[in-house]
Amino acid sequence: MTRGEPQLQIGVVPDSGSGGLSGLTGTLQITMVDGKHTCDFEYSLPGAD
């Protein structure tokens, strides 16, 4: 809960990416407001600009 609103944040497990996703880091945040879910995936890949 964040200020009375349900919220879930999920992290990328370190070293879990392979191939083109090797080195992937990030978090997925799921927020529910007024009965609607919103997903926000913030990530980075080594060498990607």
C-alpha atoms as a PDB file:
ATOM      1  CA  MET A   1       0.000   0.000   0.000  1.00  0.00           C
ATOM      2  CA  THR A   2       1.182   3.474  -0.822  1.00  0.00           C
ATOM      3  CA  ARG A   3      -0.899   6.189   0.817  1.00  0.00           C
ATOM      4  CA  GLY A   4      -3.866   3.836   0.853  1.00  0.00           C
ATOM      5  CA  GLU A   5      -3.485   2.689  -2.760  1.00  0.00           C
ATOM      6  CA  PRO A   6      -2.387  -0.866  -3.671  1.00  0.00           C
ATOM      7  CA  GLN A   7       1.035  -0.962  -5.345  1.00  0.00           C
ATOM      8  CA  LEU A   8       3.520  -3.668  -6.376  1.00  0.00           C
ATOM      9  CA  GLN A   9       7.134  -3.220  -7.477  1.00  0.00           C
ATOM     10  CA  ILE A  10       9.153  -6.062  -9.034  1.00  0.00           C
ATOM     11  CA  GLY A  11      12.903  -6.022  -9.662  1.00  0.00           C
ATOM     12  CA  VAL A  12      14.839  -7.789 -12.414  1.00  0.00           C
ATOM     13  CA  VAL A  13      16.892 -10.597 -10.859  1.00  0.00           C
ATOM     14  CA  PRO A  14      20.614  -9.761 -11.321  1.00  0.00           C
ATOM     15  CA  ASP A  15      22.353 -11.852 -14.019  1.00  0.00           C
ATOM     16  CA  SER A  16      19.030 -13.364 -15.157  1.00  0.00           C
ATOM     17  CA  GLY A  17      19.171 -11.972 -18.704  1.00  0.00           C
ATOM     18  CA  SER A  18      20.833 -13.907 -21.499  1.00  0.00           C
ATOM     19  CA  GLY A  19      21.702 -13.287 -25.135  1.00  0.00           C
ATOM     20  CA  GLY A  20      20.528  -9.817 -26.148  1.00  0.00           C
ATOM     21  CA  LEU A  21      19.192  -9.204 -22.633  1.00  0.00           C
ATOM     22  CA  SER A  22      22.476  -9.974 -20.865  1.00  0.00           C
ATOM     23  CA  GLY A  23      23.108  -7.346 -18.173  1.00  0.00           C
ATOM     24  CA  LEU A  24      19.468  -6.226 -18.054  1.00  0.00           C
ATOM     25  CA  THR A  25      18.569  -4.290 -14.890  1.00  0.00           C
ATOM     26  CA  GLY A  26      15.332  -2.626 -13.920  1.00  0.00           C
ATOM     27  CA  THR A  27      12.065  -2.575 -12.043  1.00  0.00           C
ATOM     28  CA  LEU A  28       8.444  -3.145 -12.967  1.00  0.00           C
ATOM     29  CA  GLN A  29       5.985  -1.118 -10.935  1.00  0.00           C
ATOM     30  CA  ILE A  30       2.300  -2.053 -10.961  1.00  0.00           C
ATOM     31  CA  THR A  31      -0.087   0.527  -9.532  1.00  0.00           C
ATOM     32  CA  MET A  32      -3.858   0.260  -9.173  1.00  0.00           C
ATOM     33  CA  VAL A  33      -5.899   3.458  -9.009  1.00  0.00           C
ATOM     34  CA  ASP A  34      -9.694   3.573  -9.221  1.00  0.00           C
ATOM     35  CA  GLY A  35      -9.780  -0.140 -10.132  1.00  0.00           C
ATOM     36  CA  LYS A  36      -7.389   0.221 -13.092  1.00  0.00           C
ATOM     37  CA  HIS A  37      -3.878  -1.235 -13.282  1.00  0.00           C
ATOM     38  CA  THR A  38      -0.926   0.697 -14.663  1.00  0.00           C
ATOM     39  CA  CYS A  39       2.457  -0.912 -15.420  1.00  0.00           C
ATOM     40  CA  ASP A  40       5.721   1.017 -15.674  1.00  0.00           C
ATOM     41  CA  PHE A  41       8.874  -0.918 -16.626  1.00  0.00           C
ATOM     42  CA  GLU A  42      12.074   1.075 -16.218  1.00  0.00           C
ATOM     43  CA  TYR A  43      15.140  -0.771 -17.441  1.00  0.00           C
ATOM     44  CA  SER A  44      18.629  -0.408 -18.833  1.00  0.00           C
ATOM     45  CA  LEU A  45      20.898  -2.566 -20.954  1.00  0.00           C
ATOM     46  CA  PRO A  46      24.681  -2.216 -21.019  1.00  0.00           C
ATOM     47  CA  GLY A  47      25.804  -0.389 -24.161  1.00  0.00           C
ATOM     48  CA  ALA A  48      22.279   0.758 -25.090  1.00  0.00           C
ATOM     49  CA  ASP A  49      21.766   4.500 -25.493  1.00  0.00           C
END
